[in-house]
């Protein structure tokens, strides 16, 4: 059995509160509940893999590579 972390315990509580319906827990209208931000089983304060800056930099790199490939194709006569 998996260890029940505090965030997982909150998720289980939210599922119990919403009749064990994940969609209802996701759409929970109780925004004043102190557990509301944890209802999806994620800790919003925890830094995720790849911060926003890193993701934006990677997106810029991919776009630059795609535009370079498109320019090469256009110069060779391909449409």
N, C-alpha and C. Protein backbone atom coordinates (compact mmCIF):
# COMPACT_ATOMS: atom_id res chain seq x y z
N UNK A 1 0.84 -1.19 0.00
CA UNK A 1 0.00 0.00 0.00
C UNK A 1 0.88 1.25 0.00
N UNK A 2 0.50 2.23 -0.81
CA UNK A 2 1.27 3.47 -0.87
C UNK A 2 1.15 4.25 0.43
N UNK A 3 2.23 4.95 0.73
CA UNK A 3 2.22 5.81 1.91
C UNK A 3 1.25 6.96 1.67
N UNK A 4 0.44 7.27 2.64
CA UNK A 4 -0.53 8.35 2.52
C UNK A 4 0.12 9.64 2.99
N UNK A 5 0.54 10.44 2.03
CA UNK A 5 1.16 11.72 2.33
C UNK A 5 0.05 12.72 2.70
N UNK A 6 0.41 13.85 3.30
CA UNK A 6 -0.62 14.84 3.61
C UNK A 6 -1.43 15.29 2.39
N UNK A 7 -0.77 15.48 1.26
CA UNK A 7 -1.48 15.92 0.06
C UNK A 7 -2.42 14.82 -0.43
N UNK A 8 -1.99 13.57 -0.37
CA UNK A 8 -2.86 12.46 -0.77
C UNK A 8 -4.03 12.32 0.19
N UNK A 9 -3.80 12.56 1.47
CA UNK A 9 -4.88 12.50 2.45
C UNK A 9 -5.93 13.58 2.16
N UNK A 10 -5.47 14.76 1.78
CA UNK A 10 -6.39 15.85 1.41
C UNK A 10 -7.18 15.44 0.17
N UNK A 11 -6.52 14.85 -0.80
CA UNK A 11 -7.19 14.39 -2.02
C UNK A 11 -8.28 13.39 -1.66
N UNK A 12 -7.97 12.44 -0.78
CA UNK A 12 -8.96 11.45 -0.38
C UNK A 12 -10.13 12.11 0.35
N UNK A 13 -9.83 13.10 1.18
CA UNK A 13 -10.89 13.83 1.88
C UNK A 13 -11.80 14.53 0.87
N UNK A 14 -11.20 15.18 -0.12
CA UNK A 14 -11.98 15.90 -1.14
C UNK A 14 -12.83 14.93 -1.96
N UNK A 15 -12.27 13.78 -2.29
CA UNK A 15 -13.05 12.78 -3.01
C UNK A 15 -14.22 12.30 -2.15
N UNK A 16 -13.98 12.09 -0.87
CA UNK A 16 -15.05 11.68 0.05
C UNK A 16 -16.13 12.75 0.11
N UNK A 17 -15.71 13.99 0.21
CA UNK A 17 -16.64 15.12 0.29
C UNK A 17 -17.48 15.25 -0.98
N UNK A 18 -16.91 14.90 -2.12
CA UNK A 18 -17.61 15.04 -3.40
C UNK A 18 -18.26 13.74 -3.87
N UNK A 19 -18.47 12.80 -2.96
CA UNK A 19 -19.13 11.55 -3.33
C UNK A 19 -18.26 10.63 -4.16
N UNK A 20 -16.95 10.72 -3.98
CA UNK A 20 -15.97 9.91 -4.70
C UNK A 20 -16.08 10.08 -6.21
N UNK A 21 -16.39 11.30 -6.63
CA UNK A 21 -16.45 11.65 -8.04
C UNK A 21 -15.31 12.61 -8.35
N UNK A 22 -14.25 12.15 -9.03
CA UNK A 22 -13.11 13.03 -9.32
C UNK A 22 -13.49 14.32 -10.04
N UNK A 23 -14.45 14.24 -10.94
CA UNK A 23 -14.86 15.45 -11.67
C UNK A 23 -15.50 16.46 -10.71
N UNK A 24 -16.29 15.97 -9.76
CA UNK A 24 -16.91 16.87 -8.79
C UNK A 24 -15.86 17.50 -7.87
N UNK A 25 -14.83 16.74 -7.52
CA UNK A 25 -13.75 17.31 -6.71
C UNK A 25 -13.02 18.39 -7.49
N UNK A 26 -12.82 18.17 -8.78
CA UNK A 26 -12.14 19.16 -9.63
C UNK A 26 -12.98 20.42 -9.78
N UNK A 27 -14.30 20.26 -9.86
CA UNK A 27 -15.20 21.39 -10.05
C UNK A 27 -15.76 21.93 -8.73
N UNK A 28 -15.15 21.58 -7.64
CA UNK A 28 -15.63 21.95 -6.30
C UNK A 28 -15.96 23.44 -6.19
N UNK A 29 -17.17 23.76 -5.72
CA UNK A 29 -17.56 25.16 -5.58
C UNK A 29 -17.13 25.79 -4.24
N UNK A 30 -16.59 24.99 -3.34
CA UNK A 30 -16.22 25.48 -2.00
C UNK A 30 -14.86 26.16 -2.02
N UNK A 31 -14.77 27.30 -2.69
CA UNK A 31 -13.49 27.99 -2.83
C UNK A 31 -12.99 28.58 -1.51
N UNK A 32 -13.87 28.69 -0.51
CA UNK A 32 -13.45 29.20 0.79
C UNK A 32 -12.89 28.09 1.69
N UNK A 33 -12.92 26.85 1.22
CA UNK A 33 -12.38 25.72 1.99
C UNK A 33 -10.86 25.85 2.05
N UNK A 34 -10.25 25.67 3.22
CA UNK A 34 -8.79 25.78 3.32
C UNK A 34 -8.03 24.71 2.53
N UNK A 35 -8.72 23.65 2.15
CA UNK A 35 -8.08 22.57 1.38
C UNK A 35 -8.30 22.72 -0.12
N UNK A 36 -8.99 23.75 -0.54
CA UNK A 36 -9.40 23.91 -1.94
C UNK A 36 -8.23 23.80 -2.91
N UNK A 37 -7.12 24.46 -2.63
CA UNK A 37 -5.99 24.45 -3.58
C UNK A 37 -5.29 23.10 -3.65
N UNK A 38 -5.55 22.23 -2.69
CA UNK A 38 -4.92 20.90 -2.67
C UNK A 38 -5.85 19.80 -3.17
N UNK A 39 -7.08 20.15 -3.59
CA UNK A 39 -8.11 19.16 -3.90
C UNK A 39 -7.75 18.23 -5.05
N UNK A 40 -6.83 18.62 -5.91
CA UNK A 40 -6.45 17.79 -7.05
C UNK A 40 -5.30 16.84 -6.72
N UNK A 41 -4.85 16.86 -5.49
CA UNK A 41 -3.76 15.97 -5.10
C UNK A 41 -2.39 16.53 -5.42
N UNK A 42 -2.31 17.83 -5.63
CA UNK A 42 -1.04 18.50 -5.93
C UNK A 42 -0.81 19.60 -4.91
N UNK A 43 0.46 19.84 -4.60
CA UNK A 43 0.83 20.92 -3.70
C UNK A 43 1.19 22.13 -4.57
N UNK A 44 0.37 23.17 -4.57
CA UNK A 44 0.64 24.31 -5.45
C UNK A 44 1.89 25.10 -5.07
N UNK A 45 2.37 24.93 -3.85
CA UNK A 45 3.56 25.66 -3.41
C UNK A 45 4.85 24.94 -3.82
N UNK A 46 4.73 23.69 -4.23
CA UNK A 46 5.92 22.91 -4.59
C UNK A 46 6.38 23.27 -6.00
N UNK A 47 7.66 23.50 -6.15
CA UNK A 47 8.22 23.83 -7.46
C UNK A 47 8.22 22.58 -8.32
N UNK A 48 7.67 22.69 -9.48
CA UNK A 48 7.59 21.56 -10.41
C UNK A 48 8.86 21.46 -11.23
N UNK A 49 9.01 20.34 -11.89
CA UNK A 49 10.12 20.16 -12.82
C UNK A 49 9.95 21.15 -13.96
N UNK A 50 10.94 21.95 -14.18
CA UNK A 50 10.86 22.94 -15.25
C UNK A 50 10.03 24.13 -14.84
N UNK A 51 10.69 25.17 -14.40
CA UNK A 51 9.96 26.37 -14.02
C UNK A 51 9.41 27.04 -15.28
N UNK A 52 8.59 28.04 -15.10
CA UNK A 52 8.01 28.75 -16.23
C UNK A 52 9.07 29.34 -17.14
N UNK A 53 10.15 29.87 -16.56
CA UNK A 53 11.22 30.46 -17.37
C UNK A 53 11.90 29.40 -18.22
N UNK A 54 12.16 28.22 -17.64
CA UNK A 54 12.80 27.15 -18.39
C UNK A 54 11.90 26.65 -19.51
N UNK A 55 10.61 26.54 -19.23
CA UNK A 55 9.68 26.09 -20.26
C UNK A 55 9.57 27.11 -21.39
N UNK A 56 9.57 28.40 -21.04
CA UNK A 56 9.50 29.44 -22.07
C UNK A 56 10.76 29.43 -22.93
N UNK A 57 11.92 29.23 -22.30
CA UNK A 57 13.18 29.16 -23.05
C UNK A 57 13.17 27.98 -24.01
N UNK A 58 12.68 26.83 -23.55
CA UNK A 58 12.61 25.64 -24.41
C UNK A 58 11.65 25.88 -25.57
N UNK A 59 10.52 26.53 -25.30
CA UNK A 59 9.56 26.84 -26.36
C UNK A 59 10.19 27.75 -27.41
N UNK A 60 10.97 28.74 -26.96
CA UNK A 60 11.65 29.66 -27.87
C UNK A 60 12.66 28.90 -28.72
N UNK A 61 13.38 27.98 -28.12
CA UNK A 61 14.36 27.19 -28.87
C UNK A 61 13.67 26.34 -29.94
N UNK A 62 12.56 25.73 -29.60
CA UNK A 62 11.84 24.89 -30.55
C UNK A 62 11.30 25.74 -31.69
N UNK A 63 10.74 26.90 -31.38
CA UNK A 63 10.22 27.78 -32.42
C UNK A 63 11.34 28.25 -33.35
N UNK A 64 12.50 28.56 -32.77
CA UNK A 64 13.64 29.00 -33.59
C UNK A 64 14.09 27.87 -34.52
N UNK A 65 14.14 26.67 -34.00
CA UNK A 65 14.55 25.53 -34.82
C UNK A 65 13.53 25.28 -35.93
N UNK A 66 12.26 25.40 -35.61
CA UNK A 66 11.21 25.20 -36.63
C UNK A 66 11.27 26.26 -37.71
N UNK A 67 11.51 27.52 -37.33
CA UNK A 67 11.57 28.58 -38.33
C UNK A 67 12.79 28.42 -39.22
N UNK A 68 13.90 27.94 -38.65
CA UNK A 68 15.11 27.69 -39.44
C UNK A 68 14.84 26.58 -40.45
N UNK A 69 14.17 25.53 -40.01
CA UNK A 69 13.85 24.43 -40.92
C UNK A 69 12.92 24.89 -42.02
N UNK A 70 11.96 25.74 -41.72
CA UNK A 70 11.03 26.26 -42.71
C UNK A 70 11.76 27.12 -43.73
N UNK A 71 12.70 27.96 -43.26
CA UNK A 71 13.46 28.81 -44.18
C UNK A 71 14.29 27.98 -45.13
N UNK A 72 14.90 26.92 -44.64
CA UNK A 72 15.72 26.04 -45.49
C UNK A 72 14.83 25.38 -46.53
N UNK A 73 13.65 24.93 -46.13
CA UNK A 73 12.73 24.30 -47.07
C UNK A 73 12.27 25.29 -48.13
N UNK A 74 11.98 26.54 -47.73
CA UNK A 74 11.52 27.55 -48.68
C UNK A 74 12.60 27.91 -49.68
N UNK A 75 13.83 27.96 -49.24
CA UNK A 75 14.95 28.31 -50.13
C UNK A 75 15.20 27.19 -51.15
N UNK A 76 14.90 25.96 -50.77
CA UNK A 76 15.14 24.85 -51.70
C UNK A 76 14.01 24.67 -52.70
N UNK A 77 12.99 25.50 -52.58
CA UNK A 77 11.89 25.45 -53.54
C UNK A 77 10.70 24.65 -53.06
N UNK A 78 10.79 24.05 -51.90
CA UNK A 78 9.67 23.29 -51.37
C UNK A 78 8.65 24.26 -50.77
N UNK A 79 7.41 23.87 -50.80
CA UNK A 79 6.35 24.75 -50.27
C UNK A 79 5.97 24.32 -48.91
